Amino acid sequence: MKNVNPVNWFDINVANLARAKKFYETVFNIQLVDFPIECGKQSGFPFDPKGMNITGALVEKTDMVPNGNNTIIYFESEDCVTEEARIEKAGGKVVRPKMSIGEFGFVAIFTDSEGNTIGLHSRK
């Protein structure tokens, strides 16, 4: 079956890769993978190369300026409150706590340790 979802990768630009990596590993309870140096300073999110999942990387940019006008990437979650509970302790800020979006489930919005606006999505 062809994957009809056009999204397959994302870059989250960060000013400090080590700090951002620690933030995402803590909030999502995952391990990111550092890419070879020829790719620049990047750490990738886990993925199954045989699956049809979406993945991306944290990309360190020396001229990165945090702002609130970012594209929001939504991370799938079993229940938004699980990750939401870890955000502030990891150095981020909850912008909009878990809220219903009707038949499509629930979302929560937060800023990460680098000032990026990120969303969580869950069905329950």
N, C-alpha and C. Protein backbone atom coordinates (compact mmCIF):
# COMPACT_ATOMS: atom_id res chain seq x y z
N MET A 1 0.84 -1.19 0.00
CA MET A 1 0.00 0.00 0.00
C MET A 1 0.88 1.24 0.00
N LYS A 2 0.53 2.19 -0.81
CA LYS A 2 1.28 3.44 -0.89
C LYS A 2 0.94 4.33 0.30
N ASN A 3 1.95 4.96 0.88
CA ASN A 3 1.75 5.92 1.96
C ASN A 3 1.20 7.20 1.34
N VAL A 4 -0.04 7.55 1.66
CA VAL A 4 -0.66 8.73 1.07
C VAL A 4 -0.38 10.00 1.88
N ASN A 5 0.26 9.89 3.00
CA ASN A 5 0.62 11.05 3.80
C ASN A 5 1.85 11.70 3.16
N PRO A 6 1.76 12.95 2.71
CA PRO A 6 2.88 13.58 2.04
C PRO A 6 4.01 13.99 2.97
N VAL A 7 3.77 14.05 4.26
CA VAL A 7 4.81 14.45 5.20
C VAL A 7 5.71 13.25 5.47
N ASN A 8 7.00 13.42 5.30
CA ASN A 8 7.90 12.30 5.59
C ASN A 8 9.14 12.71 6.37
N TRP A 9 9.35 13.99 6.57
CA TRP A 9 10.54 14.45 7.27
C TRP A 9 10.28 15.84 7.82
N PHE A 10 11.00 16.17 8.86
CA PHE A 10 10.95 17.53 9.38
C PHE A 10 12.30 17.87 9.98
N ASP A 11 12.67 19.12 9.88
CA ASP A 11 13.83 19.66 10.57
C ASP A 11 13.32 20.61 11.64
N ILE A 12 13.85 20.49 12.83
CA ILE A 12 13.58 21.44 13.89
C ILE A 12 14.90 22.15 14.13
N ASN A 13 14.98 23.41 13.72
CA ASN A 13 16.21 24.17 13.89
C ASN A 13 16.38 24.57 15.34
N VAL A 14 17.60 24.40 15.84
CA VAL A 14 17.89 24.68 17.25
C VAL A 14 19.20 25.45 17.35
N ALA A 15 19.33 26.22 18.43
CA ALA A 15 20.57 26.96 18.68
C ALA A 15 21.59 26.10 19.42
N ASN A 16 21.12 25.16 20.23
CA ASN A 16 22.00 24.34 21.05
C ASN A 16 21.53 22.88 20.93
N LEU A 17 22.24 22.10 20.13
CA LEU A 17 21.83 20.71 19.86
C LEU A 17 21.79 19.85 21.11
N ALA A 18 22.79 19.96 21.96
CA ALA A 18 22.83 19.12 23.17
C ALA A 18 21.63 19.40 24.07
N ARG A 19 21.31 20.67 24.26
CA ARG A 19 20.17 21.04 25.11
C ARG A 19 18.86 20.56 24.49
N ALA A 20 18.69 20.78 23.18
CA ALA A 20 17.46 20.36 22.50
C ALA A 20 17.32 18.85 22.49
N LYS A 21 18.42 18.14 22.27
CA LYS A 21 18.39 16.68 22.27
C LYS A 21 17.93 16.16 23.63
N LYS A 22 18.48 16.71 24.69
CA LYS A 22 18.09 16.31 26.04
C LYS A 22 16.60 16.58 26.27
N PHE A 23 16.12 17.74 25.81
CA PHE A 23 14.71 18.09 25.96
C PHE A 23 13.81 17.04 25.31
N TYR A 24 14.04 16.72 24.03
CA TYR A 24 13.18 15.78 23.31
C TYR A 24 13.31 14.36 23.84
N GLU A 25 14.51 13.96 24.22
CA GLU A 25 14.67 12.62 24.79
C GLU A 25 13.92 12.51 26.12
N THR A 26 13.92 13.57 26.90
CA THR A 26 13.22 13.57 28.19
C THR A 26 11.71 13.58 28.00
N VAL A 27 11.20 14.48 27.18
CA VAL A 27 9.76 14.63 27.01
C VAL A 27 9.14 13.38 26.40
N PHE A 28 9.77 12.82 25.36
CA PHE A 28 9.17 11.68 24.64
C PHE A 28 9.74 10.33 25.06
N ASN A 29 10.68 10.33 26.02
CA ASN A 29 11.26 9.09 26.52
C ASN A 29 11.80 8.23 25.37
N ILE A 30 12.64 8.87 24.54
CA ILE A 30 13.24 8.23 23.37
C ILE A 30 14.74 8.52 23.33
N GLN A 31 15.45 7.87 22.44
CA GLN A 31 16.86 8.15 22.19
C GLN A 31 17.01 8.67 20.77
N LEU A 32 17.59 9.85 20.61
CA LEU A 32 17.89 10.39 19.29
C LEU A 32 19.25 9.87 18.84
N VAL A 33 19.45 9.85 17.53
CA VAL A 33 20.69 9.32 16.96
C VAL A 33 21.46 10.45 16.30
N ASP A 34 22.73 10.63 16.70
CA ASP A 34 23.57 11.65 16.08
C ASP A 34 23.93 11.22 14.67
N PHE A 35 23.83 12.15 13.72
CA PHE A 35 24.19 11.88 12.33
C PHE A 35 25.68 12.09 12.12
N PRO A 36 26.24 11.50 11.06
CA PRO A 36 27.66 11.73 10.75
C PRO A 36 27.93 13.23 10.59
N ILE A 37 29.10 13.67 10.97
CA ILE A 37 29.44 15.09 10.99
C ILE A 37 29.30 15.76 9.62
N GLU A 38 29.47 14.99 8.53
CA GLU A 38 29.32 15.59 7.20
C GLU A 38 27.88 16.05 6.93
N CYS A 39 26.94 15.62 7.74
CA CYS A 39 25.55 16.08 7.62
C CYS A 39 25.34 17.38 8.39
N GLY A 40 26.36 17.87 9.07
CA GLY A 40 26.19 19.00 9.97
C GLY A 40 25.81 18.48 11.34
N LYS A 41 25.67 19.36 12.31
CA LYS A 41 25.31 18.93 13.66
C LYS A 41 23.82 18.64 13.69
N GLN A 42 23.48 17.34 13.65
CA GLN A 42 22.09 16.90 13.63
C GLN A 42 21.92 15.65 14.47
N SER A 43 20.75 15.53 15.06
CA SER A 43 20.34 14.31 15.76
C SER A 43 18.97 13.91 15.26
N GLY A 44 18.84 12.64 14.83
CA GLY A 44 17.60 12.17 14.24
C GLY A 44 16.68 11.49 15.23
N PHE A 45 15.38 11.64 14.97
CA PHE A 45 14.38 10.94 15.75
C PHE A 45 14.32 9.48 15.29
N PRO A 46 13.98 8.55 16.19
CA PRO A 46 13.92 7.14 15.80
C PRO A 46 12.82 6.87 14.78
N PHE A 47 13.06 5.87 13.95
CA PHE A 47 12.05 5.47 12.96
C PHE A 47 12.32 4.05 12.52
N ASP A 48 11.32 3.45 11.90
CA ASP A 48 11.44 2.10 11.37
C ASP A 48 11.62 2.23 9.86
N PRO A 49 12.81 1.94 9.33
CA PRO A 49 13.04 2.12 7.89
C PRO A 49 12.16 1.23 7.01
N LYS A 50 11.58 0.18 7.58
CA LYS A 50 10.69 -0.70 6.81
C LYS A 50 9.24 -0.26 6.93
N GLY A 51 8.97 0.67 7.85
CA GLY A 51 7.61 1.13 8.07
C GLY A 51 7.29 2.34 7.21
N MET A 52 6.09 2.89 7.44
CA MET A 52 5.67 4.07 6.69
C MET A 52 5.53 5.25 7.64
N ASN A 53 6.45 5.34 8.59
CA ASN A 53 6.35 6.42 9.55
C ASN A 53 7.14 7.65 9.09
N ILE A 54 6.91 8.74 9.76
CA ILE A 54 7.53 10.02 9.44
C ILE A 54 8.61 10.28 10.48
N THR A 55 9.72 10.85 10.06
CA THR A 55 10.75 11.20 11.01
C THR A 55 11.45 12.48 10.57
N GLY A 56 12.38 12.92 11.37
CA GLY A 56 13.10 14.14 11.07
C GLY A 56 14.26 14.30 12.03
N ALA A 57 14.79 15.52 12.12
CA ALA A 57 15.99 15.73 12.92
C ALA A 57 15.99 17.11 13.56
N LEU A 58 16.73 17.19 14.67
CA LEU A 58 17.10 18.47 15.24
C LEU A 58 18.33 18.92 14.47
N VAL A 59 18.36 20.15 14.00
CA VAL A 59 19.47 20.66 13.19
C VAL A 59 20.01 21.92 13.86
N GLU A 60 21.28 21.86 14.30
CA GLU A 60 21.86 23.04 14.95
C GLU A 60 22.24 24.08 13.92
N LYS A 61 21.77 25.31 14.14
CA LYS A 61 22.05 26.45 13.27
C LYS A 61 22.71 27.53 14.12
N THR A 62 23.88 27.99 13.72
CA THR A 62 24.58 29.00 14.52
C THR A 62 23.85 30.34 14.52
N ASP A 63 23.07 30.61 13.49
CA ASP A 63 22.34 31.88 13.41
C ASP A 63 20.87 31.74 13.77
N MET A 64 20.51 30.68 14.46
CA MET A 64 19.11 30.40 14.82
C MET A 64 18.61 31.46 15.80
N VAL A 65 17.47 32.07 15.47
CA VAL A 65 16.82 33.05 16.35
C VAL A 65 15.43 32.51 16.70
N PRO A 66 15.19 32.15 17.98
CA PRO A 66 13.89 31.63 18.37
C PRO A 66 12.79 32.67 18.13
N ASN A 67 11.65 32.20 17.63
CA ASN A 67 10.49 33.07 17.48
C ASN A 67 9.24 32.22 17.50
N GLY A 68 8.10 32.83 17.65
CA GLY A 68 6.84 32.10 17.73
C GLY A 68 6.17 31.90 16.39
N ASN A 69 6.81 32.25 15.29
CA ASN A 69 6.21 32.14 13.97
C ASN A 69 6.71 30.90 13.24
N ASN A 70 6.66 29.80 13.92
CA ASN A 70 7.16 28.55 13.35
C ASN A 70 6.03 27.73 12.75
N THR A 71 6.41 26.85 11.84
CA THR A 71 5.47 25.82 11.40
C THR A 71 5.31 24.85 12.55
N ILE A 72 4.09 24.48 12.86
CA ILE A 72 3.89 23.55 13.98
C ILE A 72 3.88 22.13 13.46
N ILE A 73 4.74 21.35 14.01
CA ILE A 73 4.81 19.93 13.72
C ILE A 73 4.10 19.22 14.87
N TYR A 74 3.22 18.28 14.54
CA TYR A 74 2.50 17.55 15.58
C TYR A 74 3.08 16.16 15.76
N PHE A 75 3.39 15.83 17.00
CA PHE A 75 3.87 14.51 17.36
C PHE A 75 2.69 13.69 17.84
N GLU A 76 2.56 12.48 17.33
CA GLU A 76 1.49 11.57 17.76
C GLU A 76 1.78 11.09 19.17
N SER A 77 0.74 10.93 19.96
CA SER A 77 0.86 10.53 21.35
C SER A 77 -0.29 9.60 21.70
N GLU A 78 -0.07 8.73 22.66
CA GLU A 78 -1.17 7.90 23.17
C GLU A 78 -2.20 8.79 23.88
N ASP A 79 -1.68 9.71 24.70
CA ASP A 79 -2.50 10.68 25.40
C ASP A 79 -1.62 11.91 25.66
N CYS A 80 -2.02 13.05 25.14
CA CYS A 80 -1.22 14.28 25.21
C CYS A 80 -0.71 14.60 26.61
N VAL A 81 -1.48 14.27 27.63
CA VAL A 81 -1.09 14.66 28.99
C VAL A 81 0.20 13.96 29.45
N THR A 82 0.53 12.82 28.86
CA THR A 82 1.75 12.11 29.26
C THR A 82 2.98 12.96 28.98
N GLU A 83 3.13 13.39 27.74
CA GLU A 83 4.28 14.24 27.38
C GLU A 83 4.14 15.64 27.95
N GLU A 84 2.91 16.13 27.99
CA GLU A 84 2.66 17.48 28.52
C GLU A 84 3.20 17.61 29.94
N ALA A 85 3.08 16.56 30.73
CA ALA A 85 3.54 16.58 32.11
C ALA A 85 5.06 16.70 32.23
N ARG A 86 5.79 16.37 31.18
CA ARG A 86 7.26 16.40 31.22
C ARG A 86 7.86 17.68 30.65
N ILE A 87 7.07 18.48 29.98
CA ILE A 87 7.58 19.60 29.19
C ILE A 87 8.31 20.65 30.03
N GLU A 88 7.68 21.18 31.04
CA GLU A 88 8.30 22.25 31.81
C GLU A 88 9.53 21.78 32.56
N LYS A 89 9.50 20.54 33.07
CA LYS A 89 10.65 20.00 33.78
C LYS A 89 11.85 19.84 32.83
N ALA A 90 11.57 19.65 31.53
CA ALA A 90 12.63 19.47 30.54
C ALA A 90 13.13 20.81 29.97
N GLY A 91 12.52 21.91 30.36
CA GLY A 91 12.99 23.21 29.90
C GLY A 91 12.09 23.90 28.89
N GLY A 92 10.89 23.36 28.65
CA GLY A 92 9.94 23.97 27.72
C GLY A 92 8.81 24.65 28.45
N LYS A 93 7.79 25.04 27.68
CA LYS A 93 6.63 25.72 28.27
C LYS A 93 5.36 25.25 27.56
N VAL A 94 4.36 24.87 28.34
CA VAL A 94 3.06 24.50 27.78
C VAL A 94 2.36 25.80 27.39
N VAL A 95 2.00 25.91 26.11
CA VAL A 95 1.32 27.10 25.60
C VAL A 95 -0.19 26.91 25.67
N ARG A 96 -0.64 25.74 25.26
CA ARG A 96 -2.07 25.41 25.31
C ARG A 96 -2.18 23.97 25.80
N PRO A 97 -2.70 23.77 27.00
CA PRO A 97 -2.86 22.40 27.51
C PRO A 97 -3.81 21.59 26.62
N LYS A 98 -3.81 20.30 26.84
CA LYS A 98 -4.65 19.39 26.08
C LYS A 98 -6.06 19.94 25.93
N MET A 99 -6.53 19.95 24.66
CA MET A 99 -7.89 20.41 24.38
C MET A 99 -8.50 19.55 23.28
N SER A 100 -9.80 19.46 23.28
CA SER A 100 -10.51 18.66 22.28
C SER A 100 -10.52 19.37 20.93
N ILE A 101 -10.37 18.58 19.88
CA ILE A 101 -10.58 19.08 18.52
C ILE A 101 -11.70 18.24 17.88
N GLY A 102 -12.66 17.89 18.71
CA GLY A 102 -13.84 17.17 18.25
C GLY A 102 -13.53 15.75 17.82
N GLU A 103 -14.09 15.35 16.70
CA GLU A 103 -13.94 13.96 16.23
C GLU A 103 -12.49 13.59 15.90
N PHE A 104 -11.61 14.57 15.81
CA PHE A 104 -10.23 14.30 15.45
C PHE A 104 -9.32 14.06 16.66
N GLY A 105 -9.87 14.14 17.86
CA GLY A 105 -9.09 13.83 19.05
C GLY A 105 -8.75 15.06 19.88
N PHE A 106 -7.48 15.14 20.27
CA PHE A 106 -7.02 16.18 21.18
C PHE A 106 -5.66 16.69 20.74
N VAL A 107 -5.37 17.95 21.08
CA VAL A 107 -4.05 18.51 20.83
C VAL A 107 -3.60 19.30 22.05
N ALA A 108 -2.31 19.46 22.15
CA ALA A 108 -1.68 20.35 23.12
C ALA A 108 -0.54 21.05 22.37
N ILE A 109 -0.26 22.29 22.73
CA ILE A 109 0.79 23.06 22.08
C ILE A 109 1.82 23.47 23.13
N PHE A 110 3.10 23.38 22.78
CA PHE A 110 4.15 23.79 23.69
C PHE A 110 5.31 24.42 22.94
N THR A 111 6.17 25.11 23.66
CA THR A 111 7.44 25.55 23.09
C THR A 111 8.53 24.69 23.70
N ASP A 112 9.49 24.33 22.86
CA ASP A 112 10.59 23.48 23.34
C ASP A 112 11.69 24.33 23.96
N SER A 113 12.79 23.72 24.32
CA SER A 113 13.91 24.42 24.96
C SER A 113 14.56 25.44 24.04
N GLU A 114 14.26 25.40 22.75
CA GLU A 114 14.86 26.32 21.77
C GLU A 114 13.89 27.38 21.28
N GLY A 115 12.66 27.40 21.81
CA GLY A 115 11.68 28.40 21.40
C GLY A 115 10.80 27.97 20.24
N ASN A 116 10.95 26.73 19.75
CA ASN A 116 10.10 26.23 18.67
C ASN A 116 8.71 25.88 19.20
N THR A 117 7.68 26.19 18.41
CA THR A 117 6.30 25.82 18.75
C THR A 117 6.02 24.44 18.17
N ILE A 118 5.62 23.51 19.04
CA ILE A 118 5.40 22.11 18.66
C ILE A 118 4.04 21.67 19.18
N GLY A 119 3.37 20.75 18.47
CA GLY A 119 2.09 20.24 18.90
C GLY A 119 2.14 18.76 19.25
N LEU A 120 1.21 18.35 20.09
CA LEU A 120 0.99 16.94 20.40
C LEU A 120 -0.41 16.61 19.92
N HIS A 121 -0.62 15.40 19.41
CA HIS A 121 -1.94 14.97 18.97
C HIS A 121 -2.21 13.58 19.52
N SER A 122 -3.41 13.39 20.06
CA SER A 122 -3.80 12.05 20.53
C SER A 122 -5.28 11.84 20.24
N ARG A 123 -5.67 10.58 20.19
CA ARG A 123 -7.08 10.24 19.97
C ARG A 123 -7.86 10.19 21.27
N LYS A 124 -7.16 10.04 22.39
CA LYS A 124 -7.87 10.02 23.68
C LYS A 124 -7.33 11.07 24.61
